[in-house]
PDB file of all heavy atoms in Angstrom:
ATOM      1  N   VAL A   1      11.728  -0.737   1.233  1.00  0.00           N
ATOM      2  CA  VAL A   1      10.964  -0.914   0.007  1.00  0.00           C
ATOM      3  C   VAL A   1      10.265   0.400  -0.296  1.00  0.00           C
ATOM      4  O   VAL A   1       9.776   1.073   0.614  1.00  0.00           O
ATOM      5  CB  VAL A   1       9.930  -2.047   0.145  1.00  0.00           C
ATOM      6  CG1 VAL A   1       9.123  -2.196  -1.138  1.00  0.00           C
ATOM      7  CG2 VAL A   1      10.626  -3.360   0.477  1.00  0.00           C
ATOM      8  N   TYR A   2      10.227   0.758  -1.562  1.00  0.00           N
ATOM      9  CA  TYR A   2       9.640   2.025  -1.969  1.00  0.00           C
ATOM     10  C   TYR A   2       8.457   1.831  -2.901  1.00  0.00           C
ATOM     11  O   TYR A   2       8.354   0.835  -3.607  1.00  0.00           O
ATOM     12  CB  TYR A   2      10.672   2.883  -2.693  1.00  0.00           C
ATOM     13  CG  TYR A   2      11.934   3.126  -1.905  1.00  0.00           C
ATOM     14  CD1 TYR A   2      13.063   2.352  -2.113  1.00  0.00           C
ATOM     15  CD2 TYR A   2      11.992   4.146  -0.955  1.00  0.00           C
ATOM     16  CE1 TYR A   2      14.228   2.573  -1.390  1.00  0.00           C
ATOM     17  CE2 TYR A   2      13.150   4.370  -0.228  1.00  0.00           C
ATOM     18  CZ  TYR A   2      14.260   3.583  -0.451  1.00  0.00           C
ATOM     19  OH  TYR A   2      15.413   3.812   0.273  1.00  0.00           O
ATOM     20  N   LEU A   3       7.584   2.802  -2.905  1.00  0.00           N
ATOM     21  CA  LEU A   3       6.501   2.848  -3.865  1.00  0.00           C
ATOM     22  C   LEU A   3       6.445   4.268  -4.406  1.00  0.00           C
ATOM     23  O   LEU A   3       6.022   5.188  -3.699  1.00  0.00           O
ATOM     24  CB  LEU A   3       5.154   2.467  -3.235  1.00  0.00           C
ATOM     25  CG  LEU A   3       3.976   2.398  -4.210  1.00  0.00           C
ATOM     26  CD1 LEU A   3       4.164   1.235  -5.190  1.00  0.00           C
ATOM     27  CD2 LEU A   3       2.659   2.250  -3.458  1.00  0.00           C
ATOM     28  N   GLN A   4       6.912   4.435  -5.630  1.00  0.00           N
ATOM     29  CA  GLN A   4       6.848   5.729  -6.284  1.00  0.00           C
ATOM     30  C   GLN A   4       5.493   5.844  -6.961  1.00  0.00           C
ATOM     31  O   GLN A   4       5.152   5.031  -7.812  1.00  0.00           O
ATOM     32  CB  GLN A   4       7.966   5.868  -7.318  1.00  0.00           C
ATOM     33  CG  GLN A   4       7.960   7.188  -8.083  1.00  0.00           C
ATOM     34  CD  GLN A   4       8.237   8.377  -7.197  1.00  0.00           C
ATOM     35  OE1 GLN A   4       9.192   8.362  -6.421  1.00  0.00           O
ATOM     36  NE2 GLN A   4       7.411   9.409  -7.294  1.00  0.00           N
ATOM     37  N   MET A   5       4.743   6.850  -6.586  1.00  0.00           N
ATOM     38  CA  MET A   5       3.400   7.038  -7.103  1.00  0.00           C
ATOM     39  C   MET A   5       3.340   8.341  -7.890  1.00  0.00           C
ATOM     40  O   MET A   5       3.530   9.419  -7.324  1.00  0.00           O
ATOM     41  CB  MET A   5       2.374   7.053  -5.968  1.00  0.00           C
ATOM     42  CG  MET A   5       2.459   5.836  -5.045  1.00  0.00           C
ATOM     43  SD  MET A   5       1.139   5.808  -3.796  1.00  0.00           S
ATOM     44  CE  MET A   5       1.565   7.288  -2.866  1.00  0.00           C
ATOM     45  N   ASN A   6       3.081   8.224  -9.169  1.00  0.00           N
ATOM     46  CA  ASN A   6       2.960   9.378 -10.043  1.00  0.00           C
ATOM     47  C   ASN A   6       1.551   9.454 -10.605  1.00  0.00           C
ATOM     48  O   ASN A   6       0.801   8.485 -10.570  1.00  0.00           O
ATOM     49  CB  ASN A   6       3.970   9.289 -11.191  1.00  0.00           C
ATOM     50  CG  ASN A   6       5.404   9.259 -10.730  1.00  0.00           C
ATOM     51  OD1 ASN A   6       5.774   9.914  -9.754  1.00  0.00           O
ATOM     52  ND2 ASN A   6       6.242   8.512 -11.441  1.00  0.00           N
ATOM     53  N   SER A   7       1.222  10.606 -11.147  1.00  0.00           N
ATOM     54  CA  SER A   7      -0.092  10.817 -11.750  1.00  0.00           C
ATOM     55  C   SER A   7      -1.207  10.350 -10.831  1.00  0.00           C
ATOM     56  O   SER A   7      -2.124   9.642 -11.238  1.00  0.00           O
ATOM     57  CB  SER A   7      -0.175  10.086 -13.097  1.00  0.00           C
ATOM     58  OG  SER A   7       0.823  10.538 -13.987  1.00  0.00           O
ATOM     59  N   LEU A   8      -1.122  10.753  -9.596  1.00  0.00           N
ATOM     60  CA  LEU A   8      -2.081  10.298  -8.597  1.00  0.00           C
ATOM     61  C   LEU A   8      -3.497  10.759  -8.906  1.00  0.00           C
ATOM     62  O   LEU A   8      -3.712  11.857  -9.426  1.00  0.00           O
ATOM     63  CB  LEU A   8      -1.663  10.778  -7.214  1.00  0.00           C
ATOM     64  CG  LEU A   8      -0.509   9.983  -6.594  1.00  0.00           C
ATOM     65  CD1 LEU A   8       0.118  10.760  -5.444  1.00  0.00           C
ATOM     66  CD2 LEU A   8      -1.015   8.629  -6.110  1.00  0.00           C
ATOM     67  N   LYS A   9      -4.427   9.901  -8.573  1.00  0.00           N
ATOM     68  CA  LYS A   9      -5.837  10.150  -8.783  1.00  0.00           C
ATOM     69  C   LYS A   9      -6.566  10.105  -7.447  1.00  0.00           C
ATOM     70  O   LYS A   9      -6.100   9.463  -6.510  1.00  0.00           O
ATOM     71  CB  LYS A   9      -6.438   9.093  -9.712  1.00  0.00           C
ATOM     72  CG  LYS A   9      -5.751   8.961 -11.056  1.00  0.00           C
ATOM     73  CD  LYS A   9      -6.355   7.809 -11.848  1.00  0.00           C
ATOM     74  CE  LYS A   9      -5.688   7.659 -13.194  1.00  0.00           C
ATOM     75  NZ  LYS A   9      -6.263   6.529 -13.975  1.00  0.00           N
ATOM     76  N   PRO A  10      -7.718  10.756  -7.345  1.00  0.00           N
ATOM     77  CA  PRO A  10      -8.488  10.686  -6.099  1.00  0.00           C
ATOM     78  C   PRO A  10      -8.791   9.247  -5.680  1.00  0.00           C
ATOM     79  O   PRO A  10      -8.872   8.964  -4.484  1.00  0.00           O
ATOM     80  CB  PRO A  10      -9.772  11.449  -6.438  1.00  0.00           C
ATOM     81  CG  PRO A  10      -9.330  12.454  -7.444  1.00  0.00           C
ATOM     82  CD  PRO A  10      -8.324  11.714  -8.291  1.00  0.00           C
ATOM     83  N   GLU A  11      -8.944   8.356  -6.644  1.00  0.00           N
ATOM     84  CA  GLU A  11      -9.217   6.958  -6.354  1.00  0.00           C
ATOM     85  C   GLU A  11      -8.058   6.262  -5.644  1.00  0.00           C
ATOM     86  O   GLU A  11      -8.231   5.160  -5.113  1.00  0.00           O
ATOM     87  CB  GLU A  11      -9.537   6.185  -7.643  1.00  0.00           C
ATOM     88  CG  GLU A  11     -10.656   6.792  -8.467  1.00  0.00           C
ATOM     89  CD  GLU A  11     -10.141   7.774  -9.499  1.00  0.00           C
ATOM     90  OE1 GLU A  11      -9.840   7.339 -10.637  1.00  0.00           O
ATOM     91  OE2 GLU A  11     -10.052   8.977  -9.182  1.00  0.00           O
ATOM     92  N   ASP A  12      -6.892   6.878  -5.632  1.00  0.00           N
ATOM     93  CA  ASP A  12      -5.741   6.306  -4.947  1.00  0.00           C
ATOM     94  C   ASP A  12      -5.751   6.612  -3.455  1.00  0.00           C
ATOM     95  O   ASP A  12      -4.903   6.110  -2.714  1.00  0.00           O
ATOM     96  CB  ASP A  12      -4.439   6.837  -5.543  1.00  0.00           C
ATOM     97  CG  ASP A  12      -4.250   6.424  -6.995  1.00  0.00           C
ATOM     98  OD1 ASP A  12      -4.532   5.260  -7.333  1.00  0.00           O
ATOM     99  OD2 ASP A  12      -3.811   7.285  -7.796  1.00  0.00           O
ATOM    100  N   THR A  13      -6.674   7.434  -3.028  1.00  0.00           N
ATOM    101  CA  THR A  13      -6.764   7.797  -1.623  1.00  0.00           C
ATOM    102  C   THR A  13      -7.019   6.564  -0.767  1.00  0.00           C
ATOM    103  O   THR A  13      -7.985   5.836  -0.985  1.00  0.00           O
ATOM    104  CB  THR A  13      -7.878   8.826  -1.399  1.00  0.00           C
ATOM    105  OG1 THR A  13      -7.549  10.043  -2.080  1.00  0.00           O
ATOM    106  CG2 THR A  13      -8.054   9.117   0.082  1.00  0.00           C
ATOM    107  N   ALA A  14      -6.146   6.335   0.195  1.00  0.00           N
ATOM    108  CA  ALA A  14      -6.244   5.163   1.056  1.00  0.00           C
ATOM    109  C   ALA A  14      -5.099   5.190   2.055  1.00  0.00           C
ATOM    110  O   ALA A  14      -4.189   6.014   1.958  1.00  0.00           O
ATOM    111  CB  ALA A  14      -6.177   3.877   0.225  1.00  0.00           C
ATOM    112  N   VAL A  15      -5.155   4.267   2.991  1.00  0.00           N
ATOM    113  CA  VAL A  15      -4.018   4.023   3.856  1.00  0.00           C
ATOM    114  C   VAL A  15      -3.191   2.934   3.188  1.00  0.00           C
ATOM    115  O   VAL A  15      -3.726   1.887   2.815  1.00  0.00           O
ATOM    116  CB  VAL A  15      -4.440   3.580   5.267  1.00  0.00           C
ATOM    117  CG1 VAL A  15      -3.213   3.257   6.113  1.00  0.00           C
ATOM    118  CG2 VAL A  15      -5.259   4.668   5.936  1.00  0.00           C
ATOM    119  N   TYR A  16      -1.914   3.176   3.031  1.00  0.00           N
ATOM    120  CA  TYR A  16      -1.032   2.241   2.351  1.00  0.00           C
ATOM    121  C   TYR A  16      -0.179   1.483   3.355  1.00  0.00           C
ATOM    122  O   TYR A  16       0.395   2.074   4.271  1.00  0.00           O
ATOM    123  CB  TYR A  16      -0.136   2.982   1.363  1.00  0.00           C
ATOM    124  CG  TYR A  16      -0.855   3.393   0.106  1.00  0.00           C
ATOM    125  CD1 TYR A  16      -1.821   4.396   0.140  1.00  0.00           C
ATOM    126  CD2 TYR A  16      -0.592   2.776  -1.118  1.00  0.00           C
ATOM    127  CE1 TYR A  16      -2.508   4.766  -1.005  1.00  0.00           C
ATOM    128  CE2 TYR A  16      -1.265   3.142  -2.263  1.00  0.00           C
ATOM    129  CZ  TYR A  16      -2.223   4.139  -2.209  1.00  0.00           C
ATOM    130  OH  TYR A  16      -2.902   4.507  -3.349  1.00  0.00           O
ATOM    131  N   TYR A  17      -0.104   0.184   3.152  1.00  0.00           N
ATOM    132  CA  TYR A  17       0.646  -0.700   4.026  1.00  0.00           C
ATOM    133  C   TYR A  17       1.657  -1.513   3.231  1.00  0.00           C
ATOM    134  O   TYR A  17       1.409  -1.846   2.072  1.00  0.00           O
ATOM    135  CB  TYR A  17      -0.278  -1.702   4.730  1.00  0.00           C
ATOM    136  CG  TYR A  17      -1.414  -1.101   5.516  1.00  0.00           C
ATOM    137  CD1 TYR A  17      -2.624  -0.803   4.914  1.00  0.00           C
ATOM    138  CD2 TYR A  17      -1.281  -0.870   6.878  1.00  0.00           C
ATOM    139  CE1 TYR A  17      -3.680  -0.278   5.637  1.00  0.00           C
ATOM    140  CE2 TYR A  17      -2.330  -0.349   7.615  1.00  0.00           C
ATOM    141  CZ  TYR A  17      -3.528  -0.057   6.989  1.00  0.00           C
ATOM    142  OH  TYR A  17      -4.564   0.454   7.724  1.00  0.00           O
ATOM    143  N   CYS A  18       2.754  -1.864   3.859  1.00  0.00           N
ATOM    144  CA  CYS A  18       3.666  -2.817   3.250  1.00  0.00           C
ATOM    145  C   CYS A  18       3.658  -4.094   4.081  1.00  0.00           C
ATOM    146  O   CYS A  18       3.364  -4.073   5.273  1.00  0.00           O
ATOM    147  CB  CYS A  18       5.086  -2.249   3.124  1.00  0.00           C
ATOM    148  SG  CYS A  18       5.921  -1.893   4.684  1.00  0.00           S
ATOM    149  N   LYS A  19       3.945  -5.188   3.428  1.00  0.00           N
ATOM    150  CA  LYS A  19       3.852  -6.483   4.077  1.00  0.00           C
ATOM    151  C   LYS A  19       4.654  -7.516   3.304  1.00  0.00           C
ATOM    152  O   LYS A  19       4.747  -7.443   2.075  1.00  0.00           O
ATOM    153  CB  LYS A  19       2.386  -6.936   4.126  1.00  0.00           C
ATOM    154  CG  LYS A  19       2.098  -8.120   5.041  1.00  0.00           C
ATOM    155  CD  LYS A  19       1.944  -7.647   6.473  1.00  0.00           C
ATOM    156  CE  LYS A  19       1.317  -8.715   7.360  1.00  0.00           C
ATOM    157  NZ  LYS A  19       2.184  -9.900   7.521  1.00  0.00           N
ATOM    158  N   GLN A  20       5.228  -8.461   4.015  1.00  0.00           N
ATOM    159  CA  GLN A  20       5.849  -9.592   3.345  1.00  0.00           C
ATOM    160  C   GLN A  20       4.757 -10.368   2.621  1.00  0.00           C
ATOM    161  O   GLN A  20       3.637 -10.490   3.118  1.00  0.00           O
ATOM    162  CB  GLN A  20       6.536 -10.505   4.353  1.00  0.00           C
ATOM    163  CG  GLN A  20       7.767  -9.904   4.984  1.00  0.00           C
ATOM    164  CD  GLN A  20       8.361 -10.804   6.033  1.00  0.00           C
ATOM    165  OE1 GLN A  20       8.376 -10.479   7.210  1.00  0.00           O
ATOM    166  NE2 GLN A  20       8.848 -11.967   5.611  1.00  0.00           N
ATOM    167  N   VAL A  21       5.082 -10.871   1.444  1.00  0.00           N
ATOM    168  CA  VAL A  21       4.111 -11.600   0.648  1.00  0.00           C
ATOM    169  C   VAL A  21       4.698 -12.917   0.165  1.00  0.00           C
ATOM    170  O   VAL A  21       5.917 -13.091   0.113  1.00  0.00           O
ATOM    171  CB  VAL A  21       3.645 -10.786  -0.578  1.00  0.00           C
ATOM    172  CG1 VAL A  21       2.974  -9.493  -0.144  1.00  0.00           C
ATOM    173  CG2 VAL A  21       4.816 -10.495  -1.516  1.00  0.00           C
ATOM    174  N   PHE A  22       3.811 -13.843  -0.179  1.00  0.00           N
ATOM    175  CA  PHE A  22       4.236 -15.087  -0.796  1.00  0.00           C
ATOM    176  C   PHE A  22       4.614 -14.792  -2.235  1.00  0.00           C
ATOM    177  O   PHE A  22       3.814 -14.215  -2.973  1.00  0.00           O
ATOM    178  CB  PHE A  22       3.107 -16.118  -0.759  1.00  0.00           C
ATOM    179  CG  PHE A  22       2.800 -16.646   0.600  1.00  0.00           C
ATOM    180  CD1 PHE A  22       1.695 -16.201   1.302  1.00  0.00           C
ATOM    181  CD2 PHE A  22       3.620 -17.598   1.181  1.00  0.00           C
ATOM    182  CE1 PHE A  22       1.405 -16.693   2.560  1.00  0.00           C
ATOM    183  CE2 PHE A  22       3.343 -18.099   2.444  1.00  0.00           C
ATOM    184  CZ  PHE A  22       2.231 -17.641   3.132  1.00  0.00           C
ATOM    185  N   PRO A  23       5.810 -15.172  -2.645  1.00  0.00           N
ATOM    186  CA  PRO A  23       6.248 -14.858  -4.010  1.00  0.00           C
ATOM    187  C   PRO A  23       5.418 -15.512  -5.097  1.00  0.00           C
ATOM    188  O   PRO A  23       5.368 -15.006  -6.214  1.00  0.00           O
ATOM    189  CB  PRO A  23       7.697 -15.338  -4.031  1.00  0.00           C
ATOM    190  CG  PRO A  23       7.764 -16.384  -2.964  1.00  0.00           C
ATOM    191  CD  PRO A  23       6.829 -15.908  -1.893  1.00  0.00           C
ATOM    192  N   SER A  24       4.766 -16.615  -4.790  1.00  0.00           N
ATOM    193  CA  SER A  24       3.991 -17.317  -5.800  1.00  0.00           C
ATOM    194  C   SER A  24       2.632 -16.685  -6.060  1.00  0.00           C
ATOM    195  O   SER A  24       2.101 -16.772  -7.166  1.00  0.00           O
ATOM    196  CB  SER A  24       3.802 -18.776  -5.399  1.00  0.00           C
ATOM    197  OG  SER A  24       3.130 -18.888  -4.161  1.00  0.00           O
ATOM    198  N   SER A  25       2.061 -16.070  -5.060  1.00  0.00           N
ATOM    199  CA  SER A  25       0.713 -15.527  -5.175  1.00  0.00           C
ATOM    200  C   SER A  25       0.595 -14.039  -4.882  1.00  0.00           C
ATOM    201  O   SER A  25      -0.431 -13.430  -5.205  1.00  0.00           O
ATOM    202  CB  SER A  25      -0.217 -16.272  -4.214  1.00  0.00           C
ATOM    203  OG  SER A  25       0.141 -16.013  -2.870  1.00  0.00           O
ATOM    204  N   TRP A  26       1.588 -13.459  -4.270  1.00  0.00           N
ATOM    205  CA  TRP A  26       1.611 -12.069  -3.819  1.00  0.00           C
ATOM    206  C   TRP A  26       0.655 -11.821  -2.656  1.00  0.00           C
ATOM    207  O   TRP A  26       0.431 -10.679  -2.275  1.00  0.00           O
ATOM    208  CB  TRP A  26       1.315 -11.097  -4.971  1.00  0.00           C
ATOM    209  CG  TRP A  26       2.218 -11.274  -6.156  1.00  0.00           C
ATOM    210  CD1 TRP A  26       1.908 -11.858  -7.338  1.00  0.00           C
ATOM    211  CD2 TRP A  26       3.590 -10.877  -6.252  1.00  0.00           C
ATOM    212  NE1 TRP A  26       2.997 -11.844  -8.176  1.00  0.00           N
ATOM    213  CE2 TRP A  26       4.042 -11.250  -7.532  1.00  0.00           C
ATOM    214  CE3 TRP A  26       4.487 -10.246  -5.388  1.00  0.00           C
ATOM    215  CZ2 TRP A  26       5.355 -11.013  -7.966  1.00  0.00           C
ATOM    216  CZ3 TRP A  26       5.781 -10.010  -5.822  1.00  0.00           C
ATOM    217  CH2 TRP A  26       6.199 -10.391  -7.098  1.00  0.00           C
ATOM    218  N   TYR A  27       0.108 -12.878  -2.116  1.00  0.00           N
ATOM    219  CA  TYR A  27      -0.754 -12.739  -0.955  1.00  0.00           C
ATOM    220  C   TYR A  27       0.089 -12.446   0.271  1.00  0.00           C
ATOM    221  O   TYR A  27       1.212 -12.942   0.392  1.00  0.00           O
ATOM    222  CB  TYR A  27      -1.561 -14.009  -0.727  1.00  0.00           C
ATOM    223  CG  TYR A  27      -2.711 -14.210  -1.681  1.00  0.00           C
ATOM    224  CD1 TYR A  27      -2.915 -13.376  -2.778  1.00  0.00           C
ATOM    225  CD2 TYR A  27      -3.617 -15.253  -1.491  1.00  0.00           C
ATOM    226  CE1 TYR A  27      -3.964 -13.571  -3.651  1.00  0.00           C
ATOM    227  CE2 TYR A  27      -4.678 -15.454  -2.356  1.00  0.00           C
ATOM    228  CZ  TYR A  27      -4.840 -14.611  -3.440  1.00  0.00           C
ATOM    229  OH  TYR A  27      -5.895 -14.810  -4.310  1.00  0.00           O
ATOM    230  N   PRO A  28      -0.424 -11.657   1.201  1.00  0.00           N
ATOM    231  CA  PRO A  28       0.367 -11.304   2.385  1.00  0.00           C
ATOM    232  C   PRO A  28       0.566 -12.476   3.325  1.00  0.00           C
ATOM    233  O   PRO A  28      -0.314 -13.331   3.469  1.00  0.00           O
ATOM    234  CB  PRO A  28      -0.468 -10.206   3.036  1.00  0.00           C
ATOM    235  CG  PRO A  28      -1.871 -10.528   2.632  1.00  0.00           C
ATOM    236  CD  PRO A  28      -1.748 -11.017   1.216  1.00  0.00           C
ATOM    237  N   LEU A  29       1.714 -12.510   3.951  1.00  0.00           N
ATOM    238  CA  LEU A  29       1.964 -13.504   4.972  1.00  0.00           C
ATOM    239  C   LEU A  29       1.158 -13.170   6.215  1.00  0.00           C
ATOM    240  O   LEU A  29       0.661 -12.050   6.375  1.00  0.00           O
ATOM    241  CB  LEU A  29       3.453 -13.546   5.337  1.00  0.00           C
ATOM    242  CG  LEU A  29       4.365 -14.468   4.521  1.00  0.00           C
ATOM    243  CD1 LEU A  29       4.461 -14.001   3.080  1.00  0.00           C
ATOM    244  CD2 LEU A  29       5.755 -14.522   5.154  1.00  0.00           C
ATOM    245  N   GLY A  30       1.035 -14.141   7.088  1.00  0.00           N
ATOM    246  CA  GLY A  30       0.331 -13.905   8.323  1.00  0.00           C
ATOM    247  C   GLY A  30       1.097 -12.962   9.221  1.00  0.00           C
ATOM    248  O   GLY A  30       2.263 -12.651   8.982  1.00  0.00           O
ATOM    249  N   GLY A  31       0.432 -12.513  10.254  1.00  0.00           N
ATOM    250  CA  GLY A  31       1.060 -11.591  11.175  1.00  0.00           C
ATOM    251  C   GLY A  31       0.399 -10.230  11.124  1.00  0.00           C
ATOM    252  O   GLY A  31      -0.413  -9.943  10.249  1.00  0.00           O
ATOM    253  N   SER A  32       0.765  -9.402  12.068  1.00  0.00           N
ATOM    254  CA  SER A  32       0.144  -8.091  12.175  1.00  0.00           C
ATOM    255  C   SER A  32       0.607  -7.141  11.078  1.00  0.00           C
ATOM    256  O   SER A  32       1.688  -7.294  10.503  1.00  0.00           O
ATOM    257  CB  SER A  32       0.443  -7.479  13.545  1.00  0.00           C
ATOM    258  OG  SER A  32       1.844  -7.304  13.720  1.00  0.00           O
ATOM    259  N   TRP A  33      -0.238  -6.172  10.815  1.00  0.00           N
ATOM    260  CA  TRP A  33       0.069  -5.111   9.866  1.00  0.00           C
ATOM    261  C   TRP A  33       0.601  -3.901  10.618  1.00  0.00           C
ATOM    262  O   TRP A  33       0.327  -3.711  11.800  1.00  0.00           O
ATOM    263  CB  TRP A  33      -1.177  -4.716   9.075  1.00  0.00           C
ATOM    264  CG  TRP A  33      -1.710  -5.807   8.206  1.00  0.00           C
ATOM    265  CD1 TRP A  33      -2.429  -6.901   8.594  1.00  0.00           C
ATOM    266  CD2 TRP A  33      -1.563  -5.909   6.782  1.00  0.00           C
ATOM    267  NE1 TRP A  33      -2.735  -7.687   7.490  1.00  0.00           N
ATOM    268  CE2 TRP A  33      -2.221  -7.096   6.378  1.00  0.00           C
ATOM    269  CE3 TRP A  33      -0.942  -5.115   5.814  1.00  0.00           C
ATOM    270  CZ2 TRP A  33      -2.272  -7.501   5.043  1.00  0.00           C
ATOM    271  CZ3 TRP A  33      -0.991  -5.517   4.491  1.00  0.00           C
ATOM    272  CH2 TRP A  33      -1.656  -6.704   4.122  1.00  0.00           C
ATOM    273  N   GLY A  34       1.348  -3.076   9.909  1.00  0.00           N
ATOM    274  CA  GLY A  34       1.860  -1.863  10.509  1.00  0.00           C
ATOM    275  C   GLY A  34       0.789  -0.800  10.587  1.00  0.00           C
ATOM    276  O   GLY A  34      -0.396  -1.059  10.347  1.00  0.00           O
ATOM    277  N   GLN A  35       1.198   0.409  10.932  1.00  0.00           N
ATOM    278  CA  GLN A  35       0.231   1.499  11.065  1.00  0.00           C
ATOM    279  C   GLN A  35      -0.185   2.071   9.719  1.00  0.00           C
ATOM    280  O   GLN A  35      -1.213   2.749   9.627  1.00  0.00           O
ATOM    281  CB  GLN A  35       0.810   2.605  11.950  1.00  0.00           C
ATOM    282  CG  GLN A  35       1.715   3.614  11.239  1.00  0.00           C
ATOM    283  CD  GLN A  35       3.097   3.081  10.908  1.00  0.00           C
ATOM    284  OE1 GLN A  35       3.445   1.956  11.261  1.00  0.00           O
ATOM    285  NE2 GLN A  35       3.897   3.892  10.233  1.00  0.00           N
ATOM    286  N   GLY A  36       0.592   1.814   8.704  1.00  0.00           N
ATOM    287  CA  GLY A  36       0.304   2.339   7.383  1.00  0.00           C
ATOM    288  C   GLY A  36       0.604   3.821   7.284  1.00  0.00           C
ATOM    289  O   GLY A  36       0.953   4.476   8.260  1.00  0.00           O
ATOM    290  N   THR A  37       0.467   4.346   6.080  1.00  0.00           N
ATOM    291  CA  THR A  37       0.650   5.775   5.867  1.00  0.00           C
ATOM    292  C   THR A  37      -0.483   6.281   4.979  1.00  0.00           C
ATOM    293  O   THR A  37      -0.826   5.662   3.972  1.00  0.00           O
ATOM    294  CB  THR A  37       2.036   6.072   5.245  1.00  0.00           C
ATOM    295  OG1 THR A  37       2.234   7.485   5.158  1.00  0.00           O
ATOM    296  CG2 THR A  37       2.191   5.447   3.866  1.00  0.00           C
ATOM    297  N   GLN A  38      -1.075   7.372   5.381  1.00  0.00           N
ATOM    298  CA  GLN A  38      -2.246   7.903   4.700  1.00  0.00           C
ATOM    299  C   GLN A  38      -1.860   8.673   3.446  1.00  0.00           C
ATOM    300  O   GLN A  38      -1.003   9.559   3.480  1.00  0.00           O
ATOM    301  CB  GLN A  38      -3.030   8.826   5.631  1.00  0.00           C
ATOM    302  CG  GLN A  38      -4.232   9.519   4.983  1.00  0.00           C
ATOM    303  CD  GLN A  38      -5.377   8.577   4.704  1.00  0.00           C
ATOM    304  OE1 GLN A  38      -5.794   7.836   5.595  1.00  0.00           O
ATOM    305  NE2 GLN A  38      -5.884   8.592   3.466  1.00  0.00           N
ATOM    306  N   VAL A  39      -2.517   8.339   2.353  1.00  0.00           N
ATOM    307  CA  VAL A  39      -2.361   9.065   1.100  1.00  0.00           C
ATOM    308  C   VAL A  39      -3.712   9.643   0.739  1.00  0.00           C
ATOM    309  O   VAL A  39      -4.696   8.914   0.622  1.00  0.00           O
ATOM    310  CB  VAL A  39      -1.862   8.150  -0.033  1.00  0.00           C
ATOM    311  CG1 VAL A  39      -1.908   8.886  -1.377  1.00  0.00           C
ATOM    312  CG2 VAL A  39      -0.457   7.663   0.264  1.00  0.00           C
ATOM    313  N   THR A  40      -3.764  10.943   0.585  1.00  0.00           N
ATOM    314  CA  THR A  40      -4.999  11.615   0.225  1.00  0.00           C
ATOM    315  C   THR A  40      -4.767  12.435  -1.032  1.00  0.00           C
ATOM    316  O   THR A  40      -3.883  13.294  -1.064  1.00  0.00           O
ATOM    317  CB  THR A  40      -5.491  12.536   1.352  1.00  0.00           C
ATOM    318  OG1 THR A  40      -5.664  11.781   2.554  1.00  0.00           O
ATOM    319  CG2 THR A  40      -6.814  13.183   0.974  1.00  0.00           C
ATOM    320  N   VAL A  41      -5.552  12.153  -2.054  1.00  0.00           N
ATOM    321  CA  VAL A  41      -5.419  12.839  -3.332  1.00  0.00           C
ATOM    322  C   VAL A  41      -6.667  13.671  -3.571  1.00  0.00           C
ATOM    323  O   VAL A  41      -7.777  13.137  -3.647  1.00  0.00           O
ATOM    324  CB  VAL A  41      -5.218  11.852  -4.487  1.00  0.00           C
ATOM    325  CG1 VAL A  41      -4.980  12.606  -5.794  1.00  0.00           C
ATOM    326  CG2 VAL A  41      -4.054  10.920  -4.184  1.00  0.00           C
ATOM    327  N   SER A  42      -6.492  14.959  -3.686  1.00  0.00           N
ATOM    328  CA  SER A  42      -7.610  15.860  -3.900  1.00  0.00           C
ATOM    329  C   SER A  42      -7.781  16.149  -5.383  1.00  0.00           C
ATOM    330  O   SER A  42      -6.822  16.151  -6.152  1.00  0.00           O
ATOM    331  CB  SER A  42      -7.406  17.164  -3.132  1.00  0.00           C
ATOM    332  OG  SER A  42      -6.246  17.849  -3.589  1.00  0.00           O
ATOM    333  N   SER A  43      -9.008  16.415  -5.772  1.00  0.00           N
ATOM    334  CA  SER A  43      -9.312  16.719  -7.159  1.00  0.00           C
ATOM    335  C   SER A  43      -9.340  18.210  -7.403  1.00  0.00           C
ATOM    336  O   SER A  43      -9.250  19.006  -6.462  1.00  0.00           O
ATOM    337  CB  SER A  43     -10.648  16.094  -7.564  1.00  0.00           C
ATOM    338  OG  SER A  43     -11.697  16.589  -6.755  1.00  0.00           O
TER     339      SER A  43
END
């Protein structure tokens, strides 16, 4: 699964995670999260 991020803003700075979600609500399923990947946007 991909997330193409354009026109990044400093407010987008965070650790990003992917997770299986419930299709009806988009809420994440139970279970552990991965390590994520750090996105840092400088101004």
